[in-house]
Amino acid sequence: MSMNTLALKRCFNHSHREAAGRCSSCGRFFCRECLTDHEDRLVCSACLENSSRKRAAGRSILLVPVRVVQVAGGVTVLWLFFYYLGLALSRLPSSFHDGTIWGLR
């Protein structure tokens, strides 16, 4: 697109401003404030938000099984910790529980 044609275009969001570029996703013209450089492409904020939502939706599908595995692993580690702590406490001699080791009697 030639510069003369671009100079005649107006920003989609701000009709009083000249367009500085065109969104590579939707094809609308925008001023400098409304465009951003994302992955070497000029993109408007609406298209950038839509692409980030699509990515987040794709991640959320995988996130549920990962969270389930993380929770199950955490519960297993806690259970093993308290199980072996209980075993260690149950193997203490009865004199420890009577207070004779501490010299309280």
PDB file of N, CA and C in Angstrom:
ATOM      1  N   MET A   1       0.858  -1.164   0.000  1.00  0.00           N
ATOM      2  CA  MET A   1       0.000   0.000   0.000  1.00  0.00           C
ATOM      3  C   MET A   1       0.905   1.227   0.000  1.00  0.00           C
ATOM      4  N   SER A   2       0.600   2.156  -0.822  1.00  0.00           N
ATOM      5  CA  SER A   2       1.429   3.355  -0.916  1.00  0.00           C
ATOM      6  C   SER A   2       1.155   4.295   0.254  1.00  0.00           C
ATOM      7  N   MET A   3       2.093   5.187   0.503  1.00  0.00           N
ATOM      8  CA  MET A   3       1.963   6.140   1.607  1.00  0.00           C
ATOM      9  C   MET A   3       0.798   7.104   1.375  1.00  0.00           C
ATOM     10  N   ASN A   4       0.544   7.455   0.118  1.00  0.00           N
ATOM     11  CA  ASN A   4      -0.553   8.378  -0.175  1.00  0.00           C
ATOM     12  C   ASN A   4      -1.892   7.774   0.232  1.00  0.00           C
ATOM     13  N   THR A   5      -2.069   6.490  -0.015  1.00  0.00           N
ATOM     14  CA  THR A   5      -3.321   5.830   0.343  1.00  0.00           C
ATOM     15  C   THR A   5      -3.437   5.725   1.855  1.00  0.00           C
ATOM     16  N   LEU A   6      -2.341   5.429   2.537  1.00  0.00           N
ATOM     17  CA  LEU A   6      -2.351   5.320   3.993  1.00  0.00           C
ATOM     18  C   LEU A   6      -2.649   6.667   4.647  1.00  0.00           C
ATOM     19  N   ALA A   7      -2.155   7.737   4.057  1.00  0.00           N
ATOM     20  CA  ALA A   7      -2.382   9.068   4.618  1.00  0.00           C
ATOM     21  C   ALA A   7      -3.857   9.463   4.571  1.00  0.00           C
ATOM     22  N   LEU A   8      -4.604   8.881   3.667  1.00  0.00           N
ATOM     23  CA  LEU A   8      -6.025   9.183   3.544  1.00  0.00           C
ATOM     24  C   LEU A   8      -6.874   8.365   4.522  1.00  0.00           C
ATOM     25  N   LYS A   9      -6.316   7.315   5.071  1.00  0.00           N
ATOM     26  CA  LYS A   9      -7.057   6.434   5.978  1.00  0.00           C
ATOM     27  C   LYS A   9      -7.075   7.017   7.385  1.00  0.00           C
ATOM     28  N   ARG A  10      -8.097   6.682   8.133  1.00  0.00           N
ATOM     29  CA  ARG A  10      -8.260   7.131   9.509  1.00  0.00           C
ATOM     30  C   ARG A  10      -8.248   5.931  10.438  1.00  0.00           C
ATOM     31  N   CYS A  11      -7.877   6.188  11.677  1.00  0.00           N
ATOM     32  CA  CYS A  11      -7.838   5.135  12.701  1.00  0.00           C
ATOM     33  C   CYS A  11      -9.251   4.611  12.936  1.00  0.00           C
ATOM     34  N   PHE A  12      -9.363   3.307  13.080  1.00  0.00           N
ATOM     35  CA  PHE A  12     -10.652   2.668  13.329  1.00  0.00           C
ATOM     36  C   PHE A  12     -11.233   3.118  14.668  1.00  0.00           C
ATOM     37  N   ASN A  13     -10.386   3.289  15.678  1.00  0.00           N
ATOM     38  CA  ASN A  13     -10.834   3.687  17.016  1.00  0.00           C
ATOM     39  C   ASN A  13     -10.926   5.201  17.198  1.00  0.00           C
ATOM     40  N   HIS A  14     -10.071   5.936  16.513  1.00  0.00           N
ATOM     41  CA  HIS A  14     -10.009   7.394  16.654  1.00  0.00           C
ATOM     42  C   HIS A  14     -10.169   8.022  15.273  1.00  0.00           C
ATOM     43  N   SER A  15     -11.353   8.403  14.926  1.00  0.00           N
ATOM     44  CA  SER A  15     -11.632   8.889  13.568  1.00  0.00           C
ATOM     45  C   SER A  15     -10.933  10.210  13.249  1.00  0.00           C
ATOM     46  N   HIS A  16     -10.490  10.934  14.250  1.00  0.00           N
ATOM     47  CA  HIS A  16      -9.809  12.206  14.015  1.00  0.00           C
ATOM     48  C   HIS A  16      -8.306  12.044  13.775  1.00  0.00           C
ATOM     49  N   ARG A  17      -7.780  10.837  13.875  1.00  0.00           N
ATOM     50  CA  ARG A  17      -6.347  10.608  13.700  1.00  0.00           C
ATOM     51  C   ARG A  17      -6.074   9.886  12.382  1.00  0.00           C
ATOM     52  N   GLU A  18      -4.893  10.183  11.820  1.00  0.00           N
ATOM     53  CA  GLU A  18      -4.444   9.462  10.628  1.00  0.00           C
ATOM     54  C   GLU A  18      -4.041   8.049  11.003  1.00  0.00           C
ATOM     55  N   ALA A  19      -4.236   7.142  10.091  1.00  0.00           N
ATOM     56  CA  ALA A  19      -3.814   5.764  10.320  1.00  0.00           C
ATOM     57  C   ALA A  19      -2.311   5.666  10.127  1.00  0.00           C
ATOM     58  N   ALA A  20      -1.669   4.901  10.997  1.00  0.00           N
ATOM     59  CA  ALA A  20      -0.218   4.700  10.898  1.00  0.00           C
ATOM     60  C   ALA A  20       0.098   3.326  10.323  1.00  0.00           C
ATOM     61  N   GLY A  21      -0.869   2.437  10.354  1.00  0.00           N
ATOM     62  CA  GLY A  21      -0.635   1.101   9.846  1.00  0.00           C
ATOM     63  C   GLY A  21      -1.909   0.297   9.826  1.00  0.00           C
ATOM     64  N   ARG A  22      -1.751  -0.932   9.376  1.00  0.00           N
ATOM     65  CA  ARG A  22      -2.890  -1.829   9.224  1.00  0.00           C
ATOM     66  C   ARG A  22      -2.648  -3.082  10.059  1.00  0.00           C
ATOM     67  N   CYS A  23      -3.677  -3.515  10.765  1.00  0.00           N
ATOM     68  CA  CYS A  23      -3.574  -4.741  11.562  1.00  0.00           C
ATOM     69  C   CYS A  23      -3.431  -5.926  10.621  1.00  0.00           C
ATOM     70  N   SER A  24      -2.459  -6.773  10.892  1.00  0.00           N
ATOM     71  CA  SER A  24      -2.229  -7.919  10.021  1.00  0.00           C
ATOM     72  C   SER A  24      -3.275  -9.017  10.222  1.00  0.00           C
ATOM     73  N   SER A  25      -4.040  -8.954  11.295  1.00  0.00           N
ATOM     74  CA  SER A  25      -5.062  -9.977  11.537  1.00  0.00           C
ATOM     75  C   SER A  25      -6.418  -9.589  10.959  1.00  0.00           C
ATOM     76  N   CYS A  26      -6.905  -8.420  11.326  1.00  0.00           N
ATOM     77  CA  CYS A  26      -8.259  -8.028  10.911  1.00  0.00           C
ATOM     78  C   CYS A  26      -8.260  -7.134   9.672  1.00  0.00           C
ATOM     79  N   GLY A  27      -7.131  -6.511   9.337  1.00  0.00           N
ATOM     80  CA  GLY A  27      -7.033  -5.684   8.146  1.00  0.00           C
ATOM     81  C   GLY A  27      -7.515  -4.255   8.329  1.00  0.00           C
ATOM     82  N   ARG A  28      -7.905  -3.859   9.513  1.00  0.00           N
ATOM     83  CA  ARG A  28      -8.362  -2.490   9.760  1.00  0.00           C
ATOM     84  C   ARG A  28      -7.157  -1.569   9.932  1.00  0.00           C
ATOM     85  N   PHE A  29      -7.402  -0.282   9.709  1.00  0.00           N
ATOM     86  CA  PHE A  29      -6.359   0.723   9.864  1.00  0.00           C
ATOM     87  C   PHE A  29      -6.437   1.330  11.259  1.00  0.00           C
ATOM     88  N   PHE A  30      -5.249   1.596  11.851  1.00  0.00           N
ATOM     89  CA  PHE A  30      -5.174   2.132  13.211  1.00  0.00           C
ATOM     90  C   PHE A  30      -4.060   3.158  13.311  1.00  0.00           C
ATOM     91  N   CYS A  31      -4.175   4.041  14.309  1.00  0.00           N
ATOM     92  CA  CYS A  31      -3.115   5.012  14.584  1.00  0.00           C
ATOM     93  C   CYS A  31      -1.988   4.318  15.359  1.00  0.00           C
ATOM     94  N   ARG A  32      -0.937   5.069  15.676  1.00  0.00           N
ATOM     95  CA  ARG A  32       0.221   4.492  16.370  1.00  0.00           C
ATOM     96  C   ARG A  32      -0.120   3.987  17.770  1.00  0.00           C
ATOM     97  N   GLU A  33      -1.050   4.634  18.424  1.00  0.00           N
ATOM     98  CA  GLU A  33      -1.406   4.210  19.778  1.00  0.00           C
ATOM     99  C   GLU A  33      -2.184   2.900  19.797  1.00  0.00           C
ATOM    100  N   CYS A  34      -2.867   2.606  18.721  1.00  0.00           N
ATOM    101  CA  CYS A  34      -3.754   1.441  18.697  1.00  0.00           C
ATOM    102  C   CYS A  34      -3.073   0.185  18.163  1.00  0.00           C
ATOM    103  N   LEU A  35      -1.914   0.322  17.551  1.00  0.00           N
ATOM    104  CA  LEU A  35      -1.188  -0.826  17.010  1.00  0.00           C
ATOM    105  C   LEU A  35      -0.015  -1.182  17.907  1.00  0.00           C
ATOM    106  N   THR A  36       0.303  -2.445  17.925  1.00  0.00           N
ATOM    107  CA  THR A  36       1.482  -2.901  18.662  1.00  0.00           C
ATOM    108  C   THR A  36       2.213  -3.935  17.817  1.00  0.00           C
ATOM    109  N   ASP A  37       3.503  -4.028  18.030  1.00  0.00           N
ATOM    110  CA  ASP A  37       4.321  -5.009  17.319  1.00  0.00           C
ATOM    111  C   ASP A  37       4.336  -6.285  18.151  1.00  0.00           C
ATOM    112  N   HIS A  38       3.752  -7.344  17.612  1.00  0.00           N
ATOM    113  CA  HIS A  38       3.685  -8.621  18.323  1.00  0.00           C
ATOM    114  C   HIS A  38       4.156  -9.716  17.388  1.00  0.00           C
ATOM    115  N   GLU A  39       5.247 -10.374  17.767  1.00  0.00           N
ATOM    116  CA  GLU A  39       5.844 -11.445  16.969  1.00  0.00           C
ATOM    117  C   GLU A  39       6.113 -10.967  15.540  1.00  0.00           C
ATOM    118  N   ASP A  40       6.722  -9.790  15.432  1.00  0.00           N
ATOM    119  CA  ASP A  40       7.113  -9.176  14.162  1.00  0.00           C
ATOM    120  C   ASP A  40       5.931  -8.865  13.250  1.00  0.00           C
ATOM    121  N   ARG A  41       4.758  -8.651  13.840  1.00  0.00           N
ATOM    122  CA  ARG A  41       3.562  -8.269  13.078  1.00  0.00           C
ATOM    123  C   ARG A  41       2.884  -7.104  13.780  1.00  0.00           C
ATOM    124  N   LEU A  42       2.286  -6.210  13.019  1.00  0.00           N
ATOM    125  CA  LEU A  42       1.486  -5.139  13.602  1.00  0.00           C
ATOM    126  C   LEU A  42       0.097  -5.688  13.872  1.00  0.00           C
ATOM    127  N   VAL A  43      -0.338  -5.584  15.139  1.00  0.00           N
ATOM    128  CA  VAL A  43      -1.612  -6.160  15.547  1.00  0.00           C
ATOM    129  C   VAL A  43      -2.336  -5.143  16.416  1.00  0.00           C
ATOM    130  N   CYS A  44      -3.657  -5.060  16.244  1.00  0.00           N
ATOM    131  CA  CYS A  44      -4.454  -4.172  17.094  1.00  0.00           C
ATOM    132  C   CYS A  44      -4.718  -4.861  18.433  1.00  0.00           C
ATOM    133  N   SER A  45      -5.170  -4.102  19.406  1.00  0.00           N
ATOM    134  CA  SER A  45      -5.370  -4.651  20.747  1.00  0.00           C
ATOM    135  C   SER A  45      -6.464  -5.718  20.770  1.00  0.00           C
ATOM    136  N   ALA A  46      -7.503  -5.564  19.974  1.00  0.00           N
ATOM    137  CA  ALA A  46      -8.586  -6.554  19.952  1.00  0.00           C
ATOM    138  C   ALA A  46      -8.088  -7.897  19.419  1.00  0.00           C
ATOM    139  N   CYS A  47      -7.315  -7.865  18.345  1.00  0.00           N
ATOM    140  CA  CYS A  47      -6.781  -9.109  17.783  1.00  0.00           C
ATOM    141  C   CYS A  47      -5.753  -9.738  18.717  1.00  0.00           C
ATOM    142  N   LEU A  48      -4.964  -8.910  19.388  1.00  0.00           N
ATOM    143  CA  LEU A  48      -3.985  -9.418  20.350  1.00  0.00           C
ATOM    144  C   LEU A  48      -4.688 -10.097  21.514  1.00  0.00           C
ATOM    145  N   GLU A  49      -5.769  -9.509  21.990  1.00  0.00           N
ATOM    146  CA  GLU A  49      -6.543 -10.105  23.084  1.00  0.00           C
ATOM    147  C   GLU A  49      -7.194 -11.415  22.650  1.00  0.00           C
ATOM    148  N   ASN A  50      -7.727 -11.455  21.439  1.00  0.00           N
ATOM    149  CA  ASN A  50      -8.347 -12.691  20.941  1.00  0.00           C
ATOM    150  C   ASN A  50      -7.327 -13.810  20.811  1.00  0.00           C
ATOM    151  N   SER A  51      -6.122 -13.492  20.324  1.00  0.00           N
ATOM    152  CA  SER A  51      -5.113 -14.536  20.187  1.00  0.00           C
ATOM    153  C   SER A  51      -4.637 -15.031  21.548  1.00  0.00           C
ATOM    154  N   SER A  52      -4.560 -14.132  22.544  1.00  0.00           N
ATOM    155  CA  SER A  52      -4.147 -14.568  23.875  1.00  0.00           C
ATOM    156  C   SER A  52      -5.239 -15.418  24.542  1.00  0.00           C
ATOM    157  N   ARG A  53      -6.510 -15.107  24.266  1.00  0.00           N
ATOM    158  CA  ARG A  53      -7.605 -15.933  24.805  1.00  0.00           C
ATOM    159  C   ARG A  53      -7.579 -17.326  24.207  1.00  0.00           C
ATOM    160  N   LYS A  54      -7.290 -17.426  22.915  1.00  0.00           N
ATOM    161  CA  LYS A  54      -7.221 -18.736  22.264  1.00  0.00           C
ATOM    162  C   LYS A  54      -6.092 -19.564  22.861  1.00  0.00           C
ATOM    163  N   ARG A  55      -4.962 -18.920  23.113  1.00  0.00           N
ATOM    164  CA  ARG A  55      -3.839 -19.631  23.727  1.00  0.00           C
ATOM    165  C   ARG A  55      -4.181 -20.085  25.139  1.00  0.00           C
ATOM    166  N   ALA A  56      -4.842 -19.200  25.890  1.00  0.00           N
ATOM    167  CA  ALA A  56      -5.215 -19.543  27.265  1.00  0.00           C
ATOM    168  C   ALA A  56      -6.228 -20.675  27.279  1.00  0.00           C
ATOM    169  N   ALA A  57      -7.149 -20.698  26.336  1.00  0.00           N
ATOM    170  CA  ALA A  57      -8.134 -21.778  26.268  1.00  0.00           C
ATOM    171  C   ALA A  57      -7.450 -23.095  25.947  1.00  0.00           C
ATOM    172  N   GLY A  58      -6.449 -23.063  25.077  1.00  0.00           N
ATOM    173  CA  GLY A  58      -5.697 -24.270  24.755  1.00  0.00           C
ATOM    174  C   GLY A  58      -4.918 -24.781  25.952  1.00  0.00           C
ATOM    175  N   ARG A  59      -4.389 -23.870  26.732  1.00  0.00           N
ATOM    176  CA  ARG A  59      -3.648 -24.264  27.930  1.00  0.00           C
ATOM    177  C   ARG A  59      -4.567 -24.799  29.008  1.00  0.00           C
ATOM    178  N   SER A  60      -5.778 -24.243  29.118  1.00  0.00           N
ATOM    179  CA  SER A  60      -6.677 -24.671  30.187  1.00  0.00           C
ATOM    180  C   SER A  60      -7.133 -26.108  29.999  1.00  0.00           C
ATOM    181  N   ILE A  61      -7.199 -26.577  28.769  1.00  0.00           N
ATOM    182  CA  ILE A  61      -7.566 -27.972  28.516  1.00  0.00           C
ATOM    183  C   ILE A  61      -6.496 -28.895  29.085  1.00  0.00           C
ATOM    184  N   LEU A  62      -5.239 -28.536  28.911  1.00  0.00           N
ATOM    185  CA  LEU A  62      -4.143 -29.355  29.429  1.00  0.00           C
ATOM    186  C   LEU A  62      -3.900 -29.120  30.912  1.00  0.00           C
ATOM    187  N   LEU A  63      -4.373 -28.010  31.417  1.00  0.00           N
ATOM    188  CA  LEU A  63      -4.092 -27.645  32.796  1.00  0.00           C
ATOM    189  C   LEU A  63      -4.809 -28.547  33.790  1.00  0.00           C
ATOM    190  N   VAL A  64      -6.009 -28.987  33.484  1.00  0.00           N
ATOM    191  CA  VAL A  64      -6.786 -29.808  34.419  1.00  0.00           C
ATOM    192  C   VAL A  64      -6.081 -31.125  34.736  1.00  0.00           C
ATOM    193  N   PRO A  65      -5.674 -31.924  33.744  1.00  0.00           N
ATOM    194  CA  PRO A  65      -4.980 -33.175  34.099  1.00  0.00           C
ATOM    195  C   PRO A  65      -3.655 -32.939  34.821  1.00  0.00           C
ATOM    196  N   VAL A  66      -2.959 -31.877  34.468  1.00  0.00           N
ATOM    197  CA  VAL A  66      -1.691 -31.577  35.134  1.00  0.00           C
ATOM    198  C   VAL A  66      -1.943 -31.244  36.600  1.00  0.00           C
ATOM    199  N   ARG A  67      -2.962 -30.454  36.883  1.00  0.00           N
ATOM    200  CA  ARG A  67      -3.300 -30.109  38.272  1.00  0.00           C
ATOM    201  C   ARG A  67      -3.723 -31.339  39.058  1.00  0.00           C
ATOM    202  N   VAL A  68      -4.457 -32.243  38.439  1.00  0.00           N
ATOM    203  CA  VAL A  68      -4.881 -33.471  39.124  1.00  0.00           C
ATOM    204  C   VAL A  68      -3.655 -34.296  39.507  1.00  0.00           C
ATOM    205  N   VAL A  69      -2.708 -34.415  38.604  1.00  0.00           N
ATOM    206  CA  VAL A  69      -1.484 -35.174  38.894  1.00  0.00           C
ATOM    207  C   VAL A  69      -0.680 -34.480  39.992  1.00  0.00           C
ATOM    208  N   GLN A  70      -0.619 -33.154  39.957  1.00  0.00           N
ATOM    209  CA  GLN A  70       0.113 -32.425  40.987  1.00  0.00           C
ATOM    210  C   GLN A  70      -0.523 -32.613  42.367  1.00  0.00           C
ATOM    211  N   VAL A  71      -1.833 -32.533  42.434  1.00  0.00           N
ATOM    212  CA  VAL A  71      -2.523 -32.712  43.716  1.00  0.00           C
ATOM    213  C   VAL A  71      -2.340 -34.138  44.214  1.00  0.00           C
ATOM    214  N   ALA A  72      -2.481 -35.115  43.329  1.00  0.00           N
ATOM    215  CA  ALA A  72      -2.306 -36.517  43.731  1.00  0.00           C
ATOM    216  C   ALA A  72      -0.878 -36.758  44.218  1.00  0.00           C
ATOM    217  N   GLY A  73       0.096 -36.182  43.550  1.00  0.00           N
ATOM    218  CA  GLY A  73       1.485 -36.331  43.986  1.00  0.00           C
ATOM    219  C   GLY A  73       1.722 -35.676  45.337  1.00  0.00           C
ATOM    220  N   GLY A  74       1.147 -34.499  45.551  1.00  0.00           N
ATOM    221  CA  GLY A  74       1.292 -33.818  46.838  1.00  0.00           C
ATOM    222  C   GLY A  74       0.662 -34.594  47.975  1.00  0.00           C
ATOM    223  N   VAL A  75      -0.537 -35.137  47.740  1.00  0.00           N
ATOM    224  CA  VAL A  75      -1.207 -35.936  48.771  1.00  0.00           C
ATOM    225  C   VAL A  75      -0.396 -37.191  49.073  1.00  0.00           C
ATOM    226  N   THR A  76       0.165 -37.815  48.048  1.00  0.00           N
ATOM    227  CA  THR A  76       0.983 -39.019  48.250  1.00  0.00           C
ATOM    228  C   THR A  76       2.229 -38.709  49.065  1.00  0.00           C
ATOM    229  N   VAL A  77       2.898 -37.608  48.761  1.00  0.00           N
ATOM    230  CA  VAL A  77       4.103 -37.228  49.506  1.00  0.00           C
ATOM    231  C   VAL A  77       3.753 -36.943  50.967  1.00  0.00           C
ATOM    232  N   LEU A  78       2.664 -36.223  51.207  1.00  0.00           N
ATOM    233  CA  LEU A  78       2.246 -35.950  52.583  1.00  0.00           C
ATOM    234  C   LEU A  78       1.885 -37.231  53.328  1.00  0.00           C
ATOM    235  N   TRP A  79       1.168 -38.124  52.666  1.00  0.00           N
ATOM    236  CA  TRP A  79       0.789 -39.384  53.303  1.00  0.00           C
ATOM    237  C   TRP A  79       2.032 -40.178  53.671  1.00  0.00           C
ATOM    238  N   LEU A  80       2.993 -40.273  52.739  1.00  0.00           N
ATOM    239  CA  LEU A  80       4.230 -41.012  53.036  1.00  0.00           C
ATOM    240  C   LEU A  80       4.992 -40.368  54.194  1.00  0.00           C
ATOM    241  N   PHE A  81       5.056 -39.055  54.238  1.00  0.00           N
ATOM    242  CA  PHE A  81       5.743 -38.364  55.319  1.00  0.00           C
ATOM    243  C   PHE A  81       5.129 -38.718  56.666  1.00  0.00           C
ATOM    244  N   PHE A  82       3.809 -38.584  56.775  1.00  0.00           N
ATOM    245  CA  PHE A  82       3.162 -38.856  58.056  1.00  0.00           C
ATOM    246  C   PHE A  82       3.162 -40.347  58.388  1.00  0.00           C
ATOM    247  N   TYR A  83       3.125 -41.203  57.379  1.00  0.00           N
ATOM    248  CA  TYR A  83       3.196 -42.648  57.626  1.00  0.00           C
ATOM    249  C   TYR A  83       4.537 -43.014  58.258  1.00  0.00           C
ATOM    250  N   TYR A  84       5.629 -42.548  57.655  1.00  0.00           N
ATOM    251  CA  TYR A  84       6.955 -42.874  58.186  1.00  0.00           C
ATOM    252  C   TYR A  84       7.239 -42.143  59.500  1.00  0.00           C
ATOM    253  N   LEU A  85       6.661 -40.972  59.698  1.00  0.00           N
ATOM    254  CA  LEU A  85       6.779 -40.307  60.982  1.00  0.00           C
ATOM    255  C   LEU A  85       6.074 -41.125  62.067  1.00  0.00           C
ATOM    256  N   GLY A  86       4.900 -41.647  61.757  1.00  0.00           N
ATOM    257  CA  GLY A  86       4.187 -42.509  62.700  1.00  0.00           C
ATOM    258  C   GLY A  86       4.952 -43.781  63.006  1.00  0.00           C
ATOM    259  N   LEU A  87       5.541 -44.381  61.970  1.00  0.00           N
ATOM    260  CA  LEU A  87       6.355 -45.581  62.194  1.00  0.00           C
ATOM    261  C   LEU A  87       7.531 -45.271  63.114  1.00  0.00           C
ATOM    262  N   ALA A  88       8.192 -44.161  62.886  1.00  0.00           N
ATOM    263  CA  ALA A  88       9.343 -43.799  63.719  1.00  0.00           C
ATOM    264  C   ALA A  88       8.905 -43.553  65.155  1.00  0.00           C
ATOM    265  N   LEU A  89       7.778 -42.883  65.348  1.00  0.00           N
ATOM    266  CA  LEU A  89       7.295 -42.633  66.705  1.00  0.00           C
ATOM    267  C   LEU A  89       6.849 -43.909  67.400  1.00  0.00           C
ATOM    268  N   SER A  90       6.268 -44.841  66.640  1.00  0.00           N
ATOM    269  CA  SER A  90       5.819 -46.092  67.256  1.00  0.00           C
ATOM    270  C   SER A  90       6.990 -46.989  67.640  1.00  0.00           C
ATOM    271  N   ARG A  91       8.151 -46.799  67.052  1.00  0.00           N
ATOM    272  CA  ARG A  91       9.328 -47.622  67.364  1.00  0.00           C
ATOM    273  C   ARG A  91      10.155 -47.063  68.524  1.00  0.00           C
ATOM    274  N   LEU A  92       9.765 -45.910  69.048  1.00  0.00           N
ATOM    275  CA  LEU A  92      10.469 -45.368  70.206  1.00  0.00           C
ATOM    276  C   LEU A  92      10.238 -46.278  71.404  1.00  0.00           C
ATOM    277  N   PRO A  93      11.237 -46.455  72.255  1.00  0.00           N
ATOM    278  CA  PRO A  93      11.049 -47.324  73.422  1.00  0.00           C
ATOM    279  C   PRO A  93      10.020 -46.725  74.389  1.00  0.00           C
ATOM    280  N   SER A  94       9.371 -47.598  75.135  1.00  0.00           N
ATOM    281  CA  SER A  94       8.334 -47.130  76.064  1.00  0.00           C
ATOM    282  C   SER A  94       8.931 -46.255  77.165  1.00  0.00           C
ATOM    283  N   SER A  95      10.218 -46.435  77.464  1.00  0.00           N
ATOM    284  CA  SER A  95      10.842 -45.594  78.481  1.00  0.00           C
ATOM    285  C   SER A  95      10.877 -44.135  78.039  1.00  0.00           C
ATOM    286  N   PHE A  96      10.895 -43.906  76.768  1.00  0.00           N
ATOM    287  CA  PHE A  96      10.854 -42.539  76.250  1.00  0.00           C
ATOM    288  C   PHE A  96       9.516 -41.890  76.585  1.00  0.00           C
ATOM    289  N   HIS A  97       8.445 -42.684  76.471  1.00  0.00           N
ATOM    290  CA  HIS A  97       7.112 -42.164  76.747  1.00  0.00           C
ATOM    291  C   HIS A  97       6.841 -42.030  78.249  1.00  0.00           C
ATOM    292  N   ASP A  98       7.532 -42.820  79.052  1.00  0.00           N
ATOM    293  CA  ASP A  98       7.324 -42.778  80.498  1.00  0.00           C
ATOM    294  C   ASP A  98       7.972 -41.563  81.145  1.00  0.00           C
ATOM    295  N   GLY A  99       8.893 -40.949  80.472  1.00  0.00           N
ATOM    296  CA  GLY A  99       9.553 -39.783  81.033  1.00  0.00           C
ATOM    297  C   GLY A  99      10.845 -40.125  81.739  1.00  0.00           C
ATOM    298  N   THR A 100      11.275 -41.400  81.736  1.00  0.00           N
ATOM    299  CA  THR A 100      12.519 -41.777  82.440  1.00  0.00           C
ATOM    300  C   THR A 100      13.746 -41.294  81.686  1.00  0.00           C
ATOM    301  N   ILE A 101      13.659 -41.152  80.415  1.00  0.00           N
ATOM    302  CA  ILE A 101      14.801 -40.660  79.644  1.00  0.00           C
ATOM    303  C   ILE A 101      15.036 -39.178  79.938  1.00  0.00           C
ATOM    304  N   TRP A 102      13.992 -38.434  80.129  1.00  0.00           N
ATOM    305  CA  TRP A 102      14.082 -37.007  80.356  1.00  0.00           C
ATOM    306  C   TRP A 102      14.424 -36.676  81.807  1.00  0.00           C
ATOM    307  N   GLY A 103      14.350 -37.633  82.632  1.00  0.00           N
ATOM    308  CA  GLY A 103      14.693 -37.413  84.030  1.00  0.00           C
ATOM    309  C   GLY A 103      13.610 -36.643  84.773  1.00  0.00           C
ATOM    310  N   LEU A 104      12.387 -36.785  84.355  1.00  0.00           N
ATOM    311  CA  LEU A 104      11.303 -36.069  85.006  1.00  0.00           C
ATOM    312  C   LEU A 104      10.825 -36.762  86.264  1.00  0.00           C
ATOM    313  N   ARG A 105      11.156 -38.003  86.443  1.00  0.00           N
ATOM    314  CA  ARG A 105      10.709 -38.737  87.613  1.00  0.00           C
ATOM    315  C   ARG A 105      11.781 -38.869  88.626  1.00  0.00           C
TER     316      ARG A 105
END
